[in-house]
Amino acid sequence: MNPSHQVCGRNFRMPTHRIDQPQNPVEVIALNSFSSKDQVALDAQTRSLIERRQRVMGPAYRLFYTVPLQPARAQGTKIVDVYGDEYLDAYNNVASVGHNHPRVVEAVARQLRLINTNTRYLQRDIIEYAESLVSAHDADLANVMFTCTGSEANDLAVRMARQVTGGTGIIVTEYAYHGCTRDVASWSPASGVGDCPRFG
C-alpha cells in the first residue's frame, strides 16, 4: 500500500518507487551562470564592465555564460553582440514575434507618445484591446487580466487556480524557470529548490 504524504499542504499518494533527490540539488540559474573564476580569461574591457555592473547592480543580478553575452542590437530571431557576432535567440521572451518587430515597435511608440499609465483609469484603448482579445477566444473566456511580466503572470495564474480549485499544490519540472516574485520563487526551482519536496 502506498503511503500518503503532505506536499505543499495537500495529501498525495506516494508512487511505488521514488526517484531520490540529489544530495546537493543544483540551483537552476547556476547551471549557466558566469562565475568570478571565469573573469580571469576575459579581456580588460569586459572585466571592467563586469566590475562596474557588480558595483551598482549587486549580486542578485546574475550574468550567464563563462563569456557573458554583450548584446548590442537584435532583429527577428537574431541577437548581434558588440563584436558583430550573430546568435539565434530562443530565450529572451521574444519567440512569438521576434526582436524589433515593426508593428510592435510602432504600437509601443504610438502609445508612449500619447500616455504611459496603468489600468486604474477609464481609457477607451485598453477596453477595446480587452474586447478584441476576448472576442478571439471561446465564450467561456469572458474577461482578461493584464500583467507586465512573466513573473507577475505566473503569480496571478497560481492565485487564480488556487481560488477556483481550493488546491495549494503545484507541479513543476526540475529545471524550470517561472519568475522572481516571492510566491513564484517559493515553488520554482530556478533560484533554489523551492518549498515543495520533489517526488519522482
N, C-alpha and C. Protein backbone atom coordinates (compact mmCIF):
# COMPACT_ATOMS: atom_id res chain seq x y z
N MET A 1 0.84 -1.19 0.00
CA MET A 1 0.00 0.00 0.00
C MET A 1 0.88 1.25 0.00
N ASN A 2 0.55 2.20 -0.85
CA ASN A 2 1.35 3.42 -0.94
C ASN A 2 1.02 4.37 0.20
N PRO A 3 2.03 4.87 0.89
CA PRO A 3 1.77 5.85 1.95
C PRO A 3 1.34 7.18 1.35
N SER A 4 0.59 7.97 2.13
CA SER A 4 0.16 9.29 1.70
C SER A 4 1.04 10.33 2.37
N HIS A 5 1.39 11.38 1.65
CA HIS A 5 2.26 12.43 2.18
C HIS A 5 1.68 13.80 1.90
N GLN A 6 2.03 14.75 2.77
CA GLN A 6 1.66 16.14 2.56
C GLN A 6 2.68 16.76 1.62
N VAL A 7 2.23 17.37 0.53
CA VAL A 7 3.10 18.09 -0.38
C VAL A 7 2.50 19.48 -0.56
N CYS A 8 3.17 20.49 -0.04
CA CYS A 8 2.69 21.87 -0.14
C CYS A 8 1.25 21.99 0.32
N GLY A 9 0.91 21.35 1.42
CA GLY A 9 -0.41 21.50 2.01
C GLY A 9 -1.47 20.53 1.50
N ARG A 10 -1.14 19.65 0.55
CA ARG A 10 -2.12 18.71 0.02
C ARG A 10 -1.64 17.29 0.22
N ASN A 11 -2.58 16.38 0.40
CA ASN A 11 -2.24 14.97 0.54
C ASN A 11 -2.04 14.35 -0.84
N PHE A 12 -0.92 13.68 -1.03
CA PHE A 12 -0.64 12.97 -2.27
C PHE A 12 -0.21 11.56 -1.93
N ARG A 13 -0.66 10.61 -2.72
CA ARG A 13 -0.25 9.22 -2.54
C ARG A 13 1.12 9.06 -3.20
N MET A 14 2.05 8.51 -2.45
CA MET A 14 3.40 8.33 -2.97
C MET A 14 3.41 7.25 -4.06
N PRO A 15 4.27 7.39 -5.07
CA PRO A 15 4.41 6.34 -6.07
C PRO A 15 5.05 5.11 -5.45
N THR A 16 4.95 3.99 -6.14
CA THR A 16 5.54 2.77 -5.60
C THR A 16 7.06 2.84 -5.56
N HIS A 17 7.66 3.66 -6.39
CA HIS A 17 9.10 3.87 -6.33
C HIS A 17 9.38 5.37 -6.28
N ARG A 18 10.45 5.71 -5.64
CA ARG A 18 10.83 7.13 -5.51
C ARG A 18 12.17 7.36 -6.18
N ILE A 19 12.22 8.41 -6.97
CA ILE A 19 13.49 8.83 -7.54
C ILE A 19 14.06 9.83 -6.56
N ASP A 20 15.09 9.44 -5.89
CA ASP A 20 15.63 10.29 -4.84
C ASP A 20 16.21 11.58 -5.40
N GLN A 21 16.01 12.61 -4.64
CA GLN A 21 16.56 13.92 -4.97
C GLN A 21 18.06 13.86 -4.76
N PRO A 22 18.84 14.51 -5.63
CA PRO A 22 20.29 14.53 -5.42
C PRO A 22 20.63 15.12 -4.05
N GLN A 23 21.76 14.67 -3.51
CA GLN A 23 22.19 15.16 -2.20
C GLN A 23 22.36 16.67 -2.20
N ASN A 24 22.93 17.21 -3.26
CA ASN A 24 23.15 18.65 -3.37
C ASN A 24 22.42 19.16 -4.61
N PRO A 25 21.14 19.51 -4.48
CA PRO A 25 20.40 19.96 -5.65
C PRO A 25 21.03 21.20 -6.26
N VAL A 26 21.02 21.24 -7.59
CA VAL A 26 21.64 22.35 -8.31
C VAL A 26 20.62 23.47 -8.47
N GLU A 27 21.07 24.69 -8.20
CA GLU A 27 20.25 25.85 -8.44
C GLU A 27 20.19 26.05 -9.96
N VAL A 28 19.00 26.06 -10.52
CA VAL A 28 18.84 26.08 -11.97
C VAL A 28 19.58 27.25 -12.61
N ILE A 29 19.43 28.44 -12.04
CA ILE A 29 20.09 29.62 -12.60
C ILE A 29 21.61 29.42 -12.63
N ALA A 30 22.14 28.65 -11.67
CA ALA A 30 23.59 28.44 -11.60
C ALA A 30 24.12 27.58 -12.74
N LEU A 31 23.25 26.85 -13.42
CA LEU A 31 23.71 25.97 -14.49
C LEU A 31 24.40 26.74 -15.62
N ASN A 32 23.93 27.94 -15.92
CA ASN A 32 24.52 28.75 -16.99
C ASN A 32 25.19 30.01 -16.48
N SER A 33 25.33 30.16 -15.18
CA SER A 33 25.81 31.41 -14.62
C SER A 33 27.30 31.64 -14.83
N PHE A 34 27.62 32.90 -14.99
CA PHE A 34 29.00 33.35 -15.01
C PHE A 34 29.54 33.26 -13.59
N SER A 35 30.77 32.86 -13.45
CA SER A 35 31.42 32.76 -12.15
C SER A 35 32.62 33.70 -12.11
N SER A 36 32.92 34.22 -10.95
CA SER A 36 34.09 35.10 -10.83
C SER A 36 35.36 34.38 -11.26
N LYS A 37 35.37 33.05 -11.20
CA LYS A 37 36.53 32.27 -11.67
C LYS A 37 36.72 32.42 -13.18
N ASP A 38 35.61 32.69 -13.90
CA ASP A 38 35.68 32.85 -15.35
C ASP A 38 36.29 34.18 -15.76
N GLN A 39 36.31 35.13 -14.85
CA GLN A 39 36.70 36.50 -15.16
C GLN A 39 38.16 36.62 -15.61
N VAL A 40 39.02 35.79 -15.09
CA VAL A 40 40.45 35.89 -15.39
C VAL A 40 40.73 35.69 -16.88
N ALA A 41 39.90 34.94 -17.58
CA ALA A 41 40.12 34.67 -19.00
C ALA A 41 39.57 35.76 -19.92
N LEU A 42 38.93 36.76 -19.37
CA LEU A 42 38.28 37.79 -20.18
C LEU A 42 39.21 38.98 -20.44
N ASP A 43 38.92 39.73 -21.49
CA ASP A 43 39.71 40.92 -21.79
C ASP A 43 39.43 42.00 -20.74
N ALA A 44 40.33 42.98 -20.67
CA ALA A 44 40.26 44.02 -19.63
C ALA A 44 38.97 44.83 -19.71
N GLN A 45 38.51 45.13 -20.90
CA GLN A 45 37.29 45.93 -21.07
C GLN A 45 36.07 45.18 -20.52
N THR A 46 35.99 43.88 -20.81
CA THR A 46 34.86 43.07 -20.31
C THR A 46 34.93 42.94 -18.79
N ARG A 47 36.12 42.70 -18.25
CA ARG A 47 36.29 42.61 -16.80
C ARG A 47 35.85 43.90 -16.13
N SER A 48 36.24 45.05 -16.70
CA SER A 48 35.88 46.34 -16.14
C SER A 48 34.36 46.53 -16.15
N LEU A 49 33.72 46.15 -17.24
CA LEU A 49 32.26 46.28 -17.34
C LEU A 49 31.56 45.40 -16.31
N ILE A 50 32.07 44.19 -16.10
CA ILE A 50 31.51 43.28 -15.10
C ILE A 50 31.67 43.88 -13.70
N GLU A 51 32.84 44.41 -13.40
CA GLU A 51 33.08 45.01 -12.08
C GLU A 51 32.15 46.20 -11.85
N ARG A 52 31.97 47.04 -12.86
CA ARG A 52 31.05 48.18 -12.74
C ARG A 52 29.62 47.69 -12.51
N ARG A 53 29.23 46.67 -13.23
CA ARG A 53 27.88 46.11 -13.10
C ARG A 53 27.65 45.58 -11.68
N GLN A 54 28.63 44.83 -11.18
CA GLN A 54 28.50 44.27 -9.84
C GLN A 54 28.43 45.36 -8.77
N ARG A 55 29.19 46.42 -8.98
CA ARG A 55 29.23 47.50 -8.01
C ARG A 55 27.87 48.21 -7.90
N VAL A 56 27.23 48.48 -9.02
CA VAL A 56 25.99 49.27 -8.98
C VAL A 56 24.71 48.43 -9.00
N MET A 57 24.80 47.17 -9.45
CA MET A 57 23.59 46.33 -9.53
C MET A 57 23.57 45.24 -8.47
N GLY A 58 24.70 44.95 -7.85
CA GLY A 58 24.74 43.98 -6.77
C GLY A 58 24.72 42.53 -7.24
N PRO A 59 24.79 41.61 -6.30
CA PRO A 59 24.92 40.19 -6.63
C PRO A 59 23.63 39.50 -7.08
N ALA A 60 22.48 40.14 -6.88
CA ALA A 60 21.22 39.48 -7.24
C ALA A 60 21.05 39.35 -8.76
N TYR A 61 21.68 40.24 -9.51
CA TYR A 61 21.60 40.19 -10.97
C TYR A 61 22.74 39.34 -11.50
N ARG A 62 22.40 38.18 -12.00
CA ARG A 62 23.43 37.27 -12.46
C ARG A 62 23.69 37.41 -13.95
N LEU A 63 24.91 37.13 -14.32
CA LEU A 63 25.28 37.04 -15.73
C LEU A 63 25.24 35.59 -16.15
N PHE A 64 24.97 35.35 -17.40
CA PHE A 64 25.02 33.99 -17.95
C PHE A 64 26.31 33.79 -18.73
N TYR A 65 26.75 32.54 -18.78
CA TYR A 65 27.82 32.04 -19.63
C TYR A 65 29.21 32.45 -19.13
N THR A 66 30.19 31.59 -19.42
CA THR A 66 31.56 31.86 -18.98
C THR A 66 32.14 33.08 -19.67
N VAL A 67 31.70 33.35 -20.88
CA VAL A 67 32.00 34.62 -21.56
C VAL A 67 30.65 35.31 -21.73
N PRO A 68 30.33 36.27 -20.86
CA PRO A 68 29.00 36.88 -20.89
C PRO A 68 28.66 37.51 -22.24
N LEU A 69 27.45 37.25 -22.69
CA LEU A 69 26.95 37.83 -23.94
C LEU A 69 26.77 39.33 -23.74
N GLN A 70 27.24 40.12 -24.70
CA GLN A 70 27.08 41.58 -24.67
C GLN A 70 26.26 41.99 -25.88
N PRO A 71 24.94 41.87 -25.80
CA PRO A 71 24.11 42.19 -26.96
C PRO A 71 24.12 43.68 -27.27
N ALA A 72 24.14 44.01 -28.56
CA ALA A 72 24.12 45.40 -28.99
C ALA A 72 22.81 45.75 -29.69
N ARG A 73 22.27 44.78 -30.44
CA ARG A 73 21.01 45.00 -31.15
C ARG A 73 20.42 43.65 -31.51
N ALA A 74 19.18 43.68 -31.99
CA ALA A 74 18.53 42.43 -32.37
C ALA A 74 17.49 42.70 -33.44
N GLN A 75 17.22 41.68 -34.24
CA GLN A 75 16.19 41.76 -35.27
C GLN A 75 15.63 40.36 -35.46
N GLY A 76 14.31 40.25 -35.38
CA GLY A 76 13.68 38.94 -35.56
C GLY A 76 14.16 37.94 -34.52
N THR A 77 14.75 36.85 -34.98
CA THR A 77 15.22 35.80 -34.07
C THR A 77 16.69 35.92 -33.73
N LYS A 78 17.35 36.95 -34.22
CA LYS A 78 18.80 37.07 -34.05
C LYS A 78 19.19 38.20 -33.11
N ILE A 79 20.20 37.93 -32.29
CA ILE A 79 20.85 38.94 -31.46
C ILE A 79 22.25 39.13 -32.02
N VAL A 80 22.69 40.38 -32.10
CA VAL A 80 24.04 40.68 -32.56
C VAL A 80 24.78 41.31 -31.37
N ASP A 81 25.96 40.75 -31.07
CA ASP A 81 26.70 41.28 -29.92
C ASP A 81 27.61 42.44 -30.32
N VAL A 82 28.32 42.98 -29.33
CA VAL A 82 29.17 44.16 -29.57
C VAL A 82 30.31 43.86 -30.54
N TYR A 83 30.61 42.59 -30.78
CA TYR A 83 31.68 42.21 -31.70
C TYR A 83 31.15 41.91 -33.10
N GLY A 84 29.82 42.02 -33.28
CA GLY A 84 29.22 41.74 -34.58
C GLY A 84 28.84 40.28 -34.78
N ASP A 85 29.03 39.44 -33.76
CA ASP A 85 28.64 38.03 -33.87
C ASP A 85 27.14 37.90 -33.70
N GLU A 86 26.54 37.02 -34.49
CA GLU A 86 25.09 36.84 -34.51
C GLU A 86 24.71 35.54 -33.79
N TYR A 87 23.64 35.61 -32.98
CA TYR A 87 23.17 34.45 -32.23
C TYR A 87 21.69 34.25 -32.48
N LEU A 88 21.28 33.00 -32.58
CA LEU A 88 19.85 32.68 -32.65
C LEU A 88 19.29 32.81 -31.24
N ASP A 89 18.23 33.58 -31.08
CA ASP A 89 17.64 33.81 -29.76
C ASP A 89 16.33 33.06 -29.63
N ALA A 90 16.33 32.04 -28.80
CA ALA A 90 15.11 31.31 -28.49
C ALA A 90 14.85 31.40 -26.99
N TYR A 91 15.34 32.45 -26.36
CA TYR A 91 15.34 32.53 -24.90
C TYR A 91 14.68 33.78 -24.35
N ASN A 92 14.84 34.90 -24.97
CA ASN A 92 14.51 36.18 -24.36
C ASN A 92 13.09 36.67 -24.53
N ASN A 93 12.11 35.86 -24.29
CA ASN A 93 10.71 36.28 -24.27
C ASN A 93 10.24 36.89 -25.58
N VAL A 94 10.89 36.56 -26.67
CA VAL A 94 10.51 37.15 -27.95
C VAL A 94 10.18 36.09 -29.00
N ALA A 95 10.08 34.87 -28.59
CA ALA A 95 9.90 33.79 -29.56
C ALA A 95 8.63 33.94 -30.40
N SER A 96 7.63 34.62 -29.89
CA SER A 96 6.37 34.73 -30.64
C SER A 96 6.41 35.79 -31.73
N VAL A 97 7.05 36.92 -31.52
CA VAL A 97 7.08 37.98 -32.54
C VAL A 97 8.48 38.41 -32.92
N GLY A 98 9.47 38.01 -32.21
CA GLY A 98 10.84 38.39 -32.53
C GLY A 98 11.22 39.75 -31.98
N HIS A 99 12.50 40.06 -32.07
CA HIS A 99 13.01 41.36 -31.67
C HIS A 99 12.67 42.39 -32.73
N ASN A 100 12.40 43.61 -32.30
CA ASN A 100 12.30 44.75 -33.18
C ASN A 100 11.27 44.55 -34.30
N HIS A 101 10.16 43.90 -33.95
CA HIS A 101 9.10 43.70 -34.94
C HIS A 101 8.48 45.06 -35.26
N PRO A 102 8.41 45.44 -36.53
CA PRO A 102 7.97 46.80 -36.87
C PRO A 102 6.58 47.16 -36.33
N ARG A 103 5.65 46.23 -36.33
CA ARG A 103 4.31 46.55 -35.83
C ARG A 103 4.32 46.75 -34.33
N VAL A 104 5.12 45.95 -33.62
CA VAL A 104 5.22 46.10 -32.17
C VAL A 104 5.92 47.41 -31.82
N VAL A 105 7.01 47.70 -32.50
CA VAL A 105 7.74 48.94 -32.26
C VAL A 105 6.83 50.15 -32.49
N GLU A 106 6.09 50.14 -33.59
CA GLU A 106 5.19 51.26 -33.90
C GLU A 106 4.09 51.39 -32.86
N ALA A 107 3.49 50.26 -32.45
CA ALA A 107 2.41 50.31 -31.45
C ALA A 107 2.92 50.86 -30.12
N VAL A 108 4.10 50.41 -29.69
CA VAL A 108 4.67 50.89 -28.43
C VAL A 108 5.00 52.38 -28.54
N ALA A 109 5.63 52.78 -29.64
CA ALA A 109 5.99 54.19 -29.82
C ALA A 109 4.73 55.07 -29.86
N ARG A 110 3.70 54.59 -30.57
CA ARG A 110 2.45 55.36 -30.66
C ARG A 110 1.84 55.56 -29.27
N GLN A 111 1.82 54.49 -28.47
CA GLN A 111 1.25 54.60 -27.13
C GLN A 111 2.08 55.50 -26.24
N LEU A 112 3.41 55.36 -26.29
CA LEU A 112 4.28 56.20 -25.46
C LEU A 112 4.19 57.67 -25.82
N ARG A 113 3.89 57.97 -27.10
CA ARG A 113 3.71 59.37 -27.49
C ARG A 113 2.44 59.96 -26.88
N LEU A 114 1.46 59.10 -26.57
CA LEU A 114 0.19 59.56 -26.01
C LEU A 114 0.21 59.61 -24.49
N ILE A 115 0.44 58.43 -23.87
CA ILE A 115 0.41 58.33 -22.41
C ILE A 115 0.96 56.96 -22.01
N ASN A 116 1.61 56.90 -20.86
CA ASN A 116 2.10 55.65 -20.29
C ASN A 116 1.59 55.60 -18.86
N THR A 117 0.50 54.86 -18.63
CA THR A 117 -0.11 54.84 -17.31
C THR A 117 -0.52 53.42 -16.97
N ASN A 118 -1.58 53.24 -16.20
CA ASN A 118 -1.97 51.90 -15.75
C ASN A 118 -3.46 51.67 -15.98
N THR A 119 -3.95 50.53 -15.49
CA THR A 119 -5.34 50.14 -15.75
C THR A 119 -6.33 50.70 -14.74
N ARG A 120 -5.91 51.56 -13.85
CA ARG A 120 -6.84 52.11 -12.84
C ARG A 120 -7.70 53.24 -13.37
N TYR A 121 -7.41 53.68 -14.59
CA TYR A 121 -8.16 54.78 -15.18
C TYR A 121 -9.07 54.27 -16.29
N LEU A 122 -10.12 55.01 -16.56
CA LEU A 122 -11.07 54.63 -17.60
C LEU A 122 -10.55 55.11 -18.96
N GLN A 123 -9.99 54.17 -19.73
CA GLN A 123 -9.40 54.51 -21.01
C GLN A 123 -9.97 53.61 -22.10
N ARG A 124 -10.44 54.23 -23.17
CA ARG A 124 -11.08 53.51 -24.28
C ARG A 124 -10.14 52.49 -24.92
N ASP A 125 -8.86 52.83 -25.14
CA ASP A 125 -7.94 51.94 -25.85
C ASP A 125 -7.78 50.58 -25.17
N ILE A 126 -7.62 50.59 -23.87
CA ILE A 126 -7.40 49.31 -23.19
C ILE A 126 -8.67 48.48 -23.16
N ILE A 127 -9.82 49.13 -23.11
CA ILE A 127 -11.09 48.41 -23.16
C ILE A 127 -11.26 47.77 -24.53
N GLU A 128 -10.95 48.52 -25.59
CA GLU A 128 -11.05 47.96 -26.94
C GLU A 128 -10.07 46.82 -27.15
N TYR A 129 -8.88 46.94 -26.58
CA TYR A 129 -7.91 45.86 -26.68
C TYR A 129 -8.41 44.61 -25.95
N ALA A 130 -8.96 44.79 -24.76
CA ALA A 130 -9.51 43.66 -24.00
C ALA A 130 -10.67 43.01 -24.76
N GLU A 131 -11.54 43.83 -25.34
CA GLU A 131 -12.66 43.29 -26.13
C GLU A 131 -12.15 42.49 -27.32
N SER A 132 -11.10 42.98 -27.96
CA SER A 132 -10.52 42.27 -29.09
C SER A 132 -9.96 40.91 -28.67
N LEU A 133 -9.26 40.87 -27.53
CA LEU A 133 -8.73 39.60 -27.02
C LEU A 133 -9.84 38.63 -26.68
N VAL A 134 -10.86 39.10 -25.97
CA VAL A 134 -11.97 38.24 -25.56
C VAL A 134 -12.70 37.69 -26.79
N SER A 135 -12.90 38.52 -27.80
CA SER A 135 -13.65 38.09 -28.99
C SER A 135 -12.89 37.03 -29.80
N ALA A 136 -11.60 36.93 -29.60
CA ALA A 136 -10.79 35.96 -30.33
C ALA A 136 -10.78 34.58 -29.66
N HIS A 137 -11.48 34.44 -28.54
CA HIS A 137 -11.46 33.18 -27.79
C HIS A 137 -12.87 32.63 -27.60
N ASP A 138 -12.92 31.44 -27.07
CA ASP A 138 -14.18 30.79 -26.74
C ASP A 138 -14.99 31.64 -25.77
N ALA A 139 -16.29 31.50 -25.82
CA ALA A 139 -17.18 32.32 -24.98
C ALA A 139 -16.91 32.13 -23.48
N ASP A 140 -16.31 31.02 -23.08
CA ASP A 140 -16.01 30.80 -21.66
C ASP A 140 -14.97 31.79 -21.14
N LEU A 141 -14.15 32.36 -22.04
CA LEU A 141 -13.20 33.38 -21.62
C LEU A 141 -13.90 34.72 -21.78
N ALA A 142 -14.43 35.21 -20.67
CA ALA A 142 -15.27 36.41 -20.72
C ALA A 142 -14.54 37.69 -20.34
N ASN A 143 -13.38 37.57 -19.70
CA ASN A 143 -12.63 38.77 -19.36
C ASN A 143 -11.14 38.46 -19.30
N VAL A 144 -10.36 39.52 -19.22
CA VAL A 144 -8.90 39.38 -19.22
C VAL A 144 -8.32 40.13 -18.03
N MET A 145 -7.11 39.75 -17.68
CA MET A 145 -6.34 40.48 -16.67
C MET A 145 -4.97 40.73 -17.27
N PHE A 146 -4.50 41.96 -17.19
CA PHE A 146 -3.22 42.33 -17.79
C PHE A 146 -2.11 42.31 -16.74
N THR A 147 -0.95 41.83 -17.15
CA THR A 147 0.23 41.85 -16.29
C THR A 147 1.38 42.45 -17.09
N CYS A 148 2.45 42.79 -16.39
CA CYS A 148 3.60 43.42 -17.05
C CYS A 148 4.74 42.45 -17.31
N THR A 149 4.83 41.39 -16.53
CA THR A 149 5.96 40.47 -16.65
C THR A 149 5.48 39.03 -16.58
N GLY A 150 6.34 38.11 -16.99
CA GLY A 150 6.04 36.69 -16.85
C GLY A 150 5.93 36.28 -15.40
N SER A 151 6.77 36.87 -14.54
CA SER A 151 6.70 36.58 -13.10
C SER A 151 5.32 36.94 -12.56
N GLU A 152 4.87 38.12 -12.92
CA GLU A 152 3.57 38.60 -12.46
C GLU A 152 2.44 37.73 -13.02
N ALA A 153 2.56 37.32 -14.29
CA ALA A 153 1.54 36.47 -14.91
C ALA A 153 1.47 35.11 -14.21
N ASN A 154 2.63 34.51 -13.90
CA ASN A 154 2.64 33.22 -13.21
C ASN A 154 2.08 33.34 -11.80
N ASP A 155 2.43 34.42 -11.11
CA ASP A 155 1.91 34.66 -9.78
C ASP A 155 0.38 34.75 -9.81
N LEU A 156 -0.13 35.53 -10.76
CA LEU A 156 -1.58 35.69 -10.90
C LEU A 156 -2.25 34.37 -11.27
N ALA A 157 -1.66 33.62 -12.20
CA ALA A 157 -2.25 32.34 -12.63
C ALA A 157 -2.38 31.37 -11.46
N VAL A 158 -1.36 31.31 -10.61
CA VAL A 158 -1.41 30.41 -9.45
C VAL A 158 -2.45 30.88 -8.44
N ARG A 159 -2.51 32.19 -8.20
CA ARG A 159 -3.53 32.71 -7.28
C ARG A 159 -4.93 32.40 -7.79
N MET A 160 -5.16 32.55 -9.09
CA MET A 160 -6.47 32.26 -9.67
C MET A 160 -6.78 30.77 -9.57
N ALA A 161 -5.81 29.93 -9.88
CA ALA A 161 -6.02 28.48 -9.80
C ALA A 161 -6.35 28.05 -8.37
N ARG A 162 -5.64 28.63 -7.41
CA ARG A 162 -5.91 28.30 -6.00
C ARG A 162 -7.31 28.76 -5.60
N GLN A 163 -7.72 29.93 -6.05
CA GLN A 163 -9.05 30.46 -5.73
C GLN A 163 -10.14 29.57 -6.32
N VAL A 164 -9.98 29.16 -7.56
CA VAL A 164 -11.00 28.37 -8.25
C VAL A 164 -11.06 26.94 -7.74
N THR A 165 -9.89 26.33 -7.52
CA THR A 165 -9.87 24.90 -7.17
C THR A 165 -9.84 24.64 -5.67
N GLY A 166 -9.39 25.61 -4.90
CA GLY A 166 -9.20 25.37 -3.47
C GLY A 166 -7.92 24.60 -3.19
N GLY A 167 -7.19 24.23 -4.23
CA GLY A 167 -5.95 23.47 -4.08
C GLY A 167 -4.78 24.38 -3.75
N THR A 168 -3.70 23.76 -3.29
CA THR A 168 -2.49 24.52 -3.00
C THR A 168 -1.26 23.91 -3.64
N GLY A 169 -1.36 22.71 -4.17
CA GLY A 169 -0.20 22.04 -4.75
C GLY A 169 0.16 22.58 -6.12
N ILE A 170 1.43 22.49 -6.44
CA ILE A 170 1.94 22.95 -7.73
C ILE A 170 2.94 21.91 -8.22
N ILE A 171 2.83 21.55 -9.48
CA ILE A 171 3.77 20.61 -10.09
C ILE A 171 4.62 21.38 -11.08
N VAL A 172 5.93 21.29 -10.92
CA VAL A 172 6.85 21.97 -11.83
C VAL A 172 7.93 20.99 -12.26
N THR A 173 8.53 21.25 -13.42
CA THR A 173 9.63 20.40 -13.86
C THR A 173 10.92 20.82 -13.17
N GLU A 174 11.87 19.91 -13.14
CA GLU A 174 13.06 20.09 -12.32
C GLU A 174 13.90 21.31 -12.68
N TYR A 175 14.07 21.61 -13.96
CA TYR A 175 14.94 22.71 -14.34
C TYR A 175 14.15 23.89 -14.90
N ALA A 176 12.99 24.12 -14.36
CA ALA A 176 12.11 25.18 -14.87
C ALA A 176 12.47 26.54 -14.28
N TYR A 177 12.08 27.58 -15.01
CA TYR A 177 12.18 28.95 -14.52
C TYR A 177 10.81 29.58 -14.66
N HIS A 178 10.31 30.20 -13.60
CA HIS A 178 8.97 30.78 -13.62
C HIS A 178 8.94 32.25 -13.28
N GLY A 179 9.99 32.81 -12.73
CA GLY A 179 10.00 34.22 -12.38
C GLY A 179 10.57 34.47 -11.01
N CYS A 180 10.41 35.72 -10.54
CA CYS A 180 11.11 36.11 -9.32
C CYS A 180 10.22 36.78 -8.27
N THR A 181 8.90 36.70 -8.37
CA THR A 181 8.10 37.21 -7.27
C THR A 181 8.26 36.29 -6.07
N ARG A 182 7.91 36.75 -4.90
CA ARG A 182 8.11 35.94 -3.69
C ARG A 182 7.35 34.61 -3.78
N ASP A 183 6.10 34.65 -4.20
CA ASP A 183 5.31 33.43 -4.27
C ASP A 183 5.86 32.48 -5.34
N VAL A 184 6.14 33.00 -6.51
CA VAL A 184 6.65 32.16 -7.59
C VAL A 184 7.99 31.55 -7.21
N ALA A 185 8.88 32.34 -6.63
CA ALA A 185 10.19 31.83 -6.24
C ALA A 185 10.08 30.75 -5.17
N SER A 186 8.99 30.74 -4.40
CA SER A 186 8.85 29.73 -3.35
C SER A 186 8.60 28.34 -3.90
N TRP A 187 8.10 28.23 -5.13
CA TRP A 187 7.87 26.89 -5.70
C TRP A 187 8.64 26.63 -6.99
N SER A 188 9.28 27.64 -7.54
CA SER A 188 10.05 27.45 -8.77
C SER A 188 11.48 27.04 -8.43
N PRO A 189 12.03 26.05 -9.11
CA PRO A 189 13.40 25.62 -8.79
C PRO A 189 14.48 26.52 -9.35
N ALA A 190 14.13 27.59 -10.04
CA ALA A 190 15.13 28.41 -10.72
C ALA A 190 16.17 29.00 -9.78
N SER A 191 15.75 29.45 -8.62
CA SER A 191 16.70 30.08 -7.71
C SER A 191 16.88 29.27 -6.43
N GLY A 192 16.77 28.00 -6.54
CA GLY A 192 16.90 27.12 -5.39
C GLY A 192 15.99 25.94 -5.56
N VAL A 193 15.66 25.28 -4.48
CA VAL A 193 14.84 24.08 -4.59
C VAL A 193 13.38 24.34 -4.30
N GLY A 194 13.00 25.58 -3.94
CA GLY A 194 11.60 25.88 -3.65
C GLY A 194 11.20 25.27 -2.33
N ASP A 195 9.93 25.47 -1.96
CA ASP A 195 9.41 24.99 -0.69
C ASP A 195 8.87 23.57 -0.74
N CYS A 196 8.60 23.07 -1.95
CA CYS A 196 7.91 21.80 -2.08
C CYS A 196 8.90 20.66 -2.23
N PRO A 197 8.67 19.54 -1.53
CA PRO A 197 9.53 18.37 -1.73
C PRO A 197 9.33 17.82 -3.13
N ARG A 198 10.34 17.14 -3.66
CA ARG A 198 10.27 16.59 -5.01
C ARG A 198 10.10 15.08 -4.94
N PHE A 199 9.18 14.59 -5.70
CA PHE A 199 8.94 13.16 -5.78
C PHE A 199 8.97 12.75 -7.24
N GLY A 200 9.51 11.57 -7.51
CA GLY A 200 9.57 11.10 -8.91
C GLY A 200 8.45 10.16 -9.19
